[in-house]
Amino acid sequence: MSSQAETLSSHHYCSQEVFDQEREHLFHGGWFMCARGDTIAPGSRRVVDVVGESIILSRTADGTLHAHANVCRHRGARLCQPETVSSHRTIVCPYHAWSYALDGALVGTPHLSHDDVDRDALSLWSIALREHEGFVFVSLAKTPPAFDSWMQTHGGEVVPLFRFGLGDLRVAFTSRTTVAANWKIIVENYQECLHCTRVHPELVELVPAYRGGEVYERTRGDGGVTLSGGGNSFSHTGHSKLPLLPKMSEVDAHSYFGCTLFPNVFVDITGTSAIVSTLFPISATQTVVTMEYLFAPEAIAASGFDPQPIIDFSELVGAQDNMVCEGVQQGVSSHAFTHGVLTDKDSLVIGFVEHYNQAMSAAPMAQ
């Protein structure tokens, strides 16, 4: 008889107290992937929200990336409002017009001389940052964990996919959706395919392994699943006229590879594209999900580049997932729900729950 495990409790999915602990121990205490580096060109900046902390990501003309608290050193005003990208070479406070260079240096203090203000001592508060394989990570911890060891612990699934040259790909399109569900429900949904035949009929047509509720092919050792009909893409036909990603082998080109990067990233790769989905938790019951569509730079630059079939299909699958995740959030909020049941085919969900509990072990979690 198959063994069964338990999901997390209603408290874990619904409690603001638990969410606050996650913010401290997971999202702020470790490394948080918050952007793709190619979306921040030299001489530009963008604002990201890392679970309640507003951060300015900026890249100086020499290509160096910086992260700073979105707070003026003068009187604490918010410097920049959320925006996709800004090419302004200075950051000007809307309150008293103190201005900062993209590296955070204080360069202007109207009505105040150098004798009034020690500009050298008042650069923007710096945030720990690491750019790796095109992903931008930040840490709000006073003493951030060593990045390489953190990646070894939490990024074991994504590291093998770096062989596809993810750092060389570029974002061509981004979608942003607010989902009325706890971030863990969204991760758990991604980690199983028992729901696929009912929720994703279009996806199941492309991935035969999903018809039996499996998330991978047991006969393959590379973690990939075969696309039907020699397909090379997530689209309604399973095919795309776009060129293959540069580092695709013949087998890879007709396969799909998916993985998670704990705690907040999914990476999906087919022959012609990679999709990076990033979760930005807002509260215990609300999460913003961005989906960034990556292609080879030469494909994007080519005449007639058309990623729309891939975008349309993937957005459909994402909307289907979001709908059922919102339904789960409503269900686990019931007084009747204590915990759910996980079976052998939920093995990746079980792994996520174990990983989560281990990562949160330093926090006094209420049951």
Protein backbone atom coordinates (compact mmCIF):
# COMPACT_ATOMS: atom_id res chain seq x y z
CA MET A 1 0.00 0.00 0.00
CA SER A 2 1.33 3.45 -0.91
CA SER A 3 2.43 5.70 1.90
CA GLN A 4 0.77 9.04 2.46
CA ALA A 5 2.12 12.31 3.80
CA GLU A 6 0.43 15.49 4.94
CA THR A 7 0.37 18.92 3.42
CA LEU A 8 1.07 21.99 5.48
CA SER A 9 -1.72 23.16 7.76
CA SER A 10 -4.35 25.82 7.18
CA HIS A 11 -2.34 28.05 9.49
CA HIS A 12 0.66 27.89 7.16
CA TYR A 13 -1.42 28.96 4.16
CA CYS A 14 -3.56 31.63 5.81
CA SER A 15 -1.75 33.13 8.79
CA GLN A 16 -0.17 36.57 8.54
CA GLU A 17 2.00 35.56 11.50
CA VAL A 18 3.49 32.72 9.46
CA PHE A 19 3.89 35.04 6.46
CA ASP A 20 5.81 37.54 8.61
CA GLN A 21 8.15 34.76 9.73
CA GLU A 22 8.67 33.69 6.12
CA ARG A 23 9.49 37.24 5.15
CA GLU A 24 12.15 37.43 7.86
CA HIS A 25 13.68 33.97 7.49
CA LEU A 26 13.20 33.09 3.81
CA PHE A 27 12.63 36.15 1.67
CA HIS A 28 14.78 38.65 3.55
CA GLY A 29 17.13 36.31 5.40
CA GLY A 30 18.34 34.37 2.36
CA TRP A 31 18.73 35.30 -1.31
CA PHE A 32 15.68 36.38 -3.32
CA MET A 33 15.64 36.31 -7.11
CA CYS A 34 13.99 39.57 -8.11
CA ALA A 35 14.84 40.34 -11.75
CA ARG A 36 16.58 39.30 -14.91
CA GLY A 37 19.73 41.29 -15.38
CA ASP A 38 19.19 42.08 -19.06
CA THR A 39 16.09 44.13 -18.13
CA ILE A 40 18.41 46.72 -16.55
CA ALA A 41 20.60 48.24 -19.25
CA PRO A 42 23.70 50.36 -18.49
CA GLY A 43 22.55 53.82 -17.46
CA SER A 44 19.13 52.69 -16.27
CA ARG A 45 17.32 51.66 -13.11
CA ARG A 46 14.16 49.85 -12.03
CA VAL A 47 12.28 49.38 -8.76
CA VAL A 48 11.37 45.98 -7.36
CA ASP A 49 9.38 45.08 -4.26
CA VAL A 50 10.92 42.25 -2.25
CA VAL A 51 8.12 41.24 0.08
CA GLY A 52 7.48 44.72 1.43
CA GLU A 53 10.95 46.21 0.89
CA SER A 54 11.30 48.57 -2.06
CA ILE A 55 14.67 48.26 -3.76
CA ILE A 56 16.28 50.23 -6.58
CA LEU A 57 18.28 48.13 -9.03
CA SER A 58 20.58 50.29 -11.17
CA ARG A 59 23.35 49.63 -13.65
CA THR A 60 26.09 52.17 -14.16
CA ALA A 61 27.58 52.96 -17.57
CA ASP A 62 30.40 50.47 -17.01
CA GLY A 63 27.87 47.65 -16.62
CA THR A 64 28.12 47.27 -12.85
CA LEU A 65 24.81 46.42 -11.18
CA HIS A 66 23.88 47.96 -7.82
CA ALA A 67 21.02 47.52 -5.35
CA HIS A 68 19.97 50.18 -2.84
CA ALA A 69 17.12 50.81 -0.44
CA ASN A 70 14.54 53.05 -2.08
CA VAL A 71 14.90 55.59 0.71
CA CYS A 72 16.44 59.08 0.76
CA ARG A 73 19.20 59.56 3.33
CA HIS A 74 17.89 63.04 4.17
CA ARG A 75 14.42 62.53 5.66
CA GLY A 76 13.49 59.02 4.60
CA ALA A 77 11.27 59.82 1.62
CA ARG A 78 10.53 57.17 -1.01
CA LEU A 79 12.78 58.04 -3.93
CA CYS A 80 11.30 56.18 -6.89
CA GLN A 81 7.84 54.86 -7.60
CA PRO A 82 7.45 51.40 -9.14
CA GLU A 83 8.16 51.48 -12.85
CA THR A 84 9.42 49.06 -15.44
CA VAL A 85 12.62 50.85 -16.45
CA SER A 86 13.90 54.40 -16.22
CA SER A 87 16.87 55.77 -18.14
CA HIS A 88 17.42 58.76 -15.84
CA ARG A 89 21.11 58.91 -14.94
CA THR A 90 20.41 60.34 -11.50
CA ILE A 91 17.93 59.51 -8.77
CA VAL A 92 16.26 62.66 -7.47
CA CYS A 93 14.26 62.73 -4.25
CA PRO A 94 10.79 64.23 -4.87
CA TYR A 95 10.83 65.85 -1.40
CA HIS A 96 13.94 68.06 -1.19
CA ALA A 97 15.63 67.16 -4.49
CA TRP A 98 18.65 65.42 -3.04
CA SER A 99 20.16 63.56 -5.98
CA TYR A 100 22.12 60.34 -6.23
CA ALA A 101 24.21 58.74 -8.96
CA LEU A 102 23.29 55.24 -10.14
CA ASP A 103 26.03 53.82 -7.91
CA GLY A 104 24.25 55.36 -4.90
CA ALA A 105 26.62 58.25 -4.30
CA LEU A 106 25.01 61.48 -3.06
CA VAL A 107 25.86 64.10 -5.70
CA GLY A 108 23.45 66.97 -5.08
CA THR A 109 21.95 68.71 -2.04
CA PRO A 110 20.13 71.92 -3.11
CA HIS A 111 20.52 74.88 -0.72
CA LEU A 112 23.08 72.90 1.31
CA SER A 113 26.82 73.20 0.81
CA HIS A 114 29.54 70.62 1.41
CA ASP A 115 30.00 72.23 4.82
CA ASP A 116 26.34 71.59 5.64
CA VAL A 117 26.25 67.95 4.45
CA ASP A 118 28.96 65.31 4.32
CA ARG A 119 27.92 63.86 0.98
CA ASP A 120 30.59 61.17 1.05
CA ALA A 121 29.04 59.69 4.18
CA LEU A 122 25.46 59.69 2.88
CA SER A 123 25.35 57.37 -0.11
CA LEU A 124 22.20 55.30 -0.45
CA TRP A 125 21.96 52.27 1.81
CA SER A 126 23.41 49.39 -0.15
CA ILE A 127 21.68 46.01 -0.48
CA ALA A 128 23.66 42.79 -0.97
CA LEU A 129 23.43 41.71 -4.60
CA ARG A 130 24.57 38.84 -6.81
CA GLU A 131 24.07 38.46 -10.56
CA HIS A 132 24.31 34.84 -11.64
CA GLU A 133 23.42 33.23 -15.00
CA GLY A 134 21.32 36.28 -15.84
CA PHE A 135 19.37 36.13 -12.57
CA VAL A 136 19.58 39.01 -10.09
CA PHE A 137 19.48 38.02 -6.42
CA VAL A 138 19.35 40.33 -3.41
CA SER A 139 19.60 39.66 0.29
CA LEU A 140 18.27 41.93 3.02
CA ALA A 141 20.01 39.99 5.79
CA LYS A 142 22.49 41.89 7.96
CA THR A 143 24.95 39.11 7.19
CA PRO A 144 23.82 37.41 3.96
CA PRO A 145 24.55 33.70 3.63
CA ALA A 146 27.39 32.73 1.28
CA PHE A 147 25.76 32.73 -2.14
CA ASP A 148 27.44 29.61 -3.54
CA SER A 149 26.48 27.46 -0.57
CA TRP A 150 22.97 28.94 -0.56
CA MET A 151 22.59 28.07 -4.25
CA GLN A 152 23.84 24.56 -3.60
CA THR A 153 21.18 24.13 -0.90
CA HIS A 154 18.24 25.80 -2.63
CA GLY A 155 19.03 25.76 -6.37
CA GLY A 156 19.82 22.11 -6.96
CA GLU A 157 17.08 21.77 -9.57
CA VAL A 158 18.00 24.81 -11.65
CA VAL A 159 21.79 24.35 -11.75
CA PRO A 160 21.65 21.50 -14.34
CA LEU A 161 19.61 23.78 -16.63
CA PHE A 162 22.39 26.36 -16.76
CA ARG A 163 23.81 24.17 -19.54
CA PHE A 164 21.26 25.80 -21.84
CA GLY A 165 23.03 29.15 -21.49
CA LEU A 166 20.29 30.92 -19.54
CA GLY A 167 22.64 33.81 -18.86
CA ASP A 168 22.89 34.54 -22.59
CA LEU A 169 19.13 34.73 -23.20
CA ARG A 170 17.12 37.95 -23.22
CA VAL A 171 13.61 38.89 -22.07
CA ALA A 172 11.27 39.71 -24.95
CA PHE A 173 7.96 39.90 -23.08
CA THR A 174 6.78 40.07 -19.45
CA SER A 175 3.33 39.50 -17.96
CA ARG A 176 2.29 40.31 -14.41
CA THR A 177 -0.69 38.80 -12.56
CA THR A 178 -1.95 39.14 -9.01
CA VAL A 179 -3.13 35.76 -7.70
CA ALA A 180 -5.36 35.49 -4.61
CA ALA A 181 -3.40 32.59 -3.17
CA ASN A 182 -0.55 31.91 -0.78
CA TRP A 183 2.78 31.57 -2.55
CA LYS A 184 3.26 28.01 -1.25
CA ILE A 185 0.01 26.88 -2.89
CA ILE A 186 1.33 28.18 -6.22
CA VAL A 187 4.62 26.31 -5.76
CA GLU A 188 2.88 23.09 -4.75
CA ASN A 189 0.59 23.28 -7.77
CA TYR A 190 3.63 23.61 -10.03
CA GLN A 191 5.21 20.54 -8.46
CA GLU A 192 2.53 18.00 -9.45
CA CYS A 193 0.51 16.98 -12.48
CA LEU A 194 -2.34 15.02 -10.98
CA HIS A 195 -4.43 18.06 -11.86
CA CYS A 196 -3.22 18.34 -15.44
CA THR A 197 -5.75 16.19 -17.28
CA ARG A 198 -8.62 18.15 -15.76
CA VAL A 199 -7.12 21.66 -15.62
CA HIS A 200 -4.70 21.68 -18.59
CA PRO A 201 -6.16 19.67 -21.51
CA GLU A 202 -4.09 21.69 -23.99
CA LEU A 203 -0.87 21.02 -22.09
CA VAL A 204 -1.59 17.31 -21.76
CA GLU A 205 -1.89 17.09 -25.55
CA LEU A 206 1.71 18.29 -25.81
CA VAL A 207 3.21 16.23 -22.97
CA PRO A 208 2.12 12.57 -23.02
CA ALA A 209 3.73 11.85 -19.62
CA TYR A 210 1.20 14.19 -18.00
CA ARG A 211 -1.74 11.98 -19.06
CA GLY A 212 -0.97 9.62 -16.17
CA GLY A 213 -0.33 12.33 -13.60
CA GLU A 214 3.47 12.01 -13.80
CA VAL A 215 5.73 15.07 -13.78
CA TYR A 216 8.70 13.35 -15.42
CA GLU A 217 9.56 10.31 -17.47
CA ARG A 218 11.03 7.56 -15.33
CA THR A 219 13.03 6.20 -18.27
CA ARG A 220 14.93 9.48 -18.65
CA GLY A 221 17.72 10.50 -16.36
CA ASP A 222 17.94 14.16 -17.40
CA GLY A 223 14.67 15.35 -15.86
CA GLY A 224 13.11 16.12 -19.23
CA VAL A 225 9.80 15.00 -20.70
CA THR A 226 9.20 14.37 -24.39
CA LEU A 227 6.92 16.64 -26.41
CA SER A 228 4.44 14.83 -28.63
CA GLY A 229 4.77 14.78 -32.41
CA GLY A 230 8.35 15.96 -32.41
CA GLY A 231 7.29 19.31 -30.93
CA ASN A 232 9.81 21.96 -30.02
CA SER A 233 7.76 24.53 -28.16
CA PHE A 234 4.90 25.34 -25.83
CA SER A 235 2.31 26.55 -28.31
CA HIS A 236 -1.11 25.33 -29.38
CA THR A 237 0.50 23.28 -32.17
CA GLY A 238 3.52 22.22 -30.14
CA HIS A 239 5.78 23.78 -32.77
CA SER A 240 7.42 27.15 -33.33
CA LYS A 241 9.13 28.66 -36.36
CA LEU A 242 11.57 30.43 -34.08
CA PRO A 243 15.17 29.15 -34.05
CA LEU A 244 16.21 26.71 -31.35
CA LEU A 245 18.07 28.00 -28.34
CA PRO A 246 21.79 27.91 -29.20
CA LYS A 247 22.79 25.09 -26.83
CA MET A 248 19.97 22.64 -27.60
CA SER A 249 20.85 19.07 -28.53
CA GLU A 250 18.55 17.04 -30.79
CA VAL A 251 16.95 15.33 -27.78
CA ASP A 252 16.71 18.58 -25.81
CA ALA A 253 15.05 20.36 -28.73
CA HIS A 254 12.00 18.08 -28.53
CA SER A 255 11.76 18.04 -24.75
CA TYR A 256 10.46 20.16 -21.93
CA PHE A 257 12.46 20.83 -18.76
CA GLY A 258 10.95 22.46 -15.70
CA CYS A 259 12.31 23.20 -12.25
CA THR A 260 11.93 25.38 -9.17
CA LEU A 261 14.46 27.64 -7.50
CA PHE A 262 13.47 27.88 -3.86
CA PRO A 263 11.62 29.80 -2.70
CA ASN A 264 10.12 31.87 -5.51
CA VAL A 265 11.11 30.90 -9.07
CA PHE A 266 10.02 28.45 -11.77
CA VAL A 267 12.05 27.89 -14.95
CA ASP A 268 10.45 26.22 -17.99
CA ILE A 269 12.54 25.40 -21.06
CA THR A 270 11.56 24.05 -24.47
CA GLY A 271 13.54 24.01 -27.70
CA THR A 272 12.82 27.60 -28.64
CA SER A 273 12.37 29.51 -25.39
CA ALA A 274 12.75 29.69 -21.65
CA ILE A 275 10.10 31.09 -19.32
CA VAL A 276 11.04 32.41 -15.90
CA SER A 277 8.11 32.77 -13.49
CA THR A 278 8.87 34.74 -10.33
CA LEU A 279 6.63 34.88 -7.27
CA PHE A 280 6.48 38.15 -5.33
CA PRO A 281 4.47 37.41 -2.17
CA ILE A 282 2.38 40.35 -0.96
CA SER A 283 0.55 38.81 1.98
CA ALA A 284 -0.48 35.41 3.32
CA THR A 285 -3.23 35.23 0.70
CA GLN A 286 -1.94 37.24 -2.25
CA THR A 287 1.00 36.78 -4.63
CA VAL A 288 2.15 38.65 -7.73
CA VAL A 289 3.41 36.30 -10.46
CA THR A 290 5.56 37.61 -13.29
CA MET A 291 6.28 35.51 -16.37
CA GLU A 292 9.31 36.54 -18.42
CA TYR A 293 9.75 35.03 -21.88
CA LEU A 294 13.38 34.52 -22.86
CA PHE A 295 14.86 33.91 -26.30
CA ALA A 296 18.25 34.01 -27.95
CA PRO A 297 19.29 37.63 -28.68
CA GLU A 298 19.71 36.90 -32.38
CA ALA A 299 16.19 35.47 -32.55
CA ILE A 300 14.75 38.63 -30.99
CA ALA A 301 16.73 40.82 -33.38
CA ALA A 302 15.69 38.89 -36.49
CA SER A 303 13.09 40.26 -38.87
CA GLY A 304 9.66 38.77 -38.25
CA PHE A 305 10.36 37.67 -34.68
CA ASP A 306 6.98 36.55 -33.34
CA PRO A 307 6.81 34.98 -29.86
CA GLN A 308 3.02 35.43 -29.62
CA PRO A 309 2.05 31.74 -30.09
CA ILE A 310 4.33 30.79 -27.18
CA ILE A 311 3.04 33.66 -25.05
CA ASP A 312 -0.62 32.89 -25.78
CA PHE A 313 -0.28 29.21 -24.89
CA SER A 314 1.77 29.78 -21.74
CA GLU A 315 -0.49 32.55 -20.49
CA LEU A 316 -3.46 30.21 -20.94
CA VAL A 317 -1.76 27.51 -18.86
CA GLY A 318 -0.77 30.11 -16.27
CA ALA A 319 -4.34 31.42 -16.01
CA GLN A 320 -5.62 27.88 -15.53
CA ASP A 321 -3.12 27.34 -12.71
CA ASN A 322 -3.98 30.66 -11.09
CA MET A 323 -7.69 29.80 -11.08
CA VAL A 324 -7.25 26.49 -9.29
CA CYS A 325 -4.71 27.96 -6.84
CA GLU A 326 -7.26 30.61 -5.86
CA GLY A 327 -9.78 27.82 -5.32
CA VAL A 328 -7.34 25.98 -3.06
CA GLN A 329 -6.78 29.16 -1.05
CA GLN A 330 -10.51 29.47 -0.52
CA GLY A 331 -10.70 25.82 0.56
CA VAL A 332 -7.79 25.79 3.01
CA SER A 333 -9.28 28.88 4.65
CA SER A 334 -12.19 26.73 5.85
CA HIS A 335 -12.42 25.86 9.55
CA ALA A 336 -12.86 22.25 8.41
CA PHE A 337 -9.42 22.05 6.78
CA THR A 338 -6.60 20.88 9.01
CA HIS A 339 -4.24 19.44 6.41
CA GLY A 340 -4.41 17.61 3.08
CA VAL A 341 -3.02 14.30 1.86
CA LEU A 342 -0.01 13.73 -0.39
CA THR A 343 0.57 10.50 -2.32
CA ASP A 344 3.56 8.97 -4.09
CA LYS A 345 2.76 10.95 -7.25
CA ASP A 346 3.00 14.11 -5.13
CA SER A 347 6.66 13.34 -4.44
CA LEU A 348 7.87 16.79 -5.54
CA VAL A 349 5.24 18.45 -3.33
CA ILE A 350 6.43 16.30 -0.43
CA GLY A 351 9.97 17.39 -1.22
CA PHE A 352 8.93 21.04 -1.23
CA VAL A 353 7.15 20.72 2.13
CA GLU A 354 10.23 19.06 3.64
CA HIS A 355 12.51 21.73 2.15
CA TYR A 356 10.24 24.48 3.44
CA ASN A 357 10.09 23.03 6.95
CA GLN A 358 13.85 22.66 7.04
CA ALA A 359 14.40 26.21 5.81
CA MET A 360 11.97 27.54 8.40
CA SER A 361 13.28 25.40 11.27
CA ALA A 362 14.90 28.41 12.91
CA ALA A 363 11.53 30.15 13.13
CA PRO A 364 9.09 29.39 15.97
CA MET A 365 6.29 28.14 13.72
CA ALA A 366 2.87 27.93 15.30
CA GLN A 367 0.90 24.81 14.29
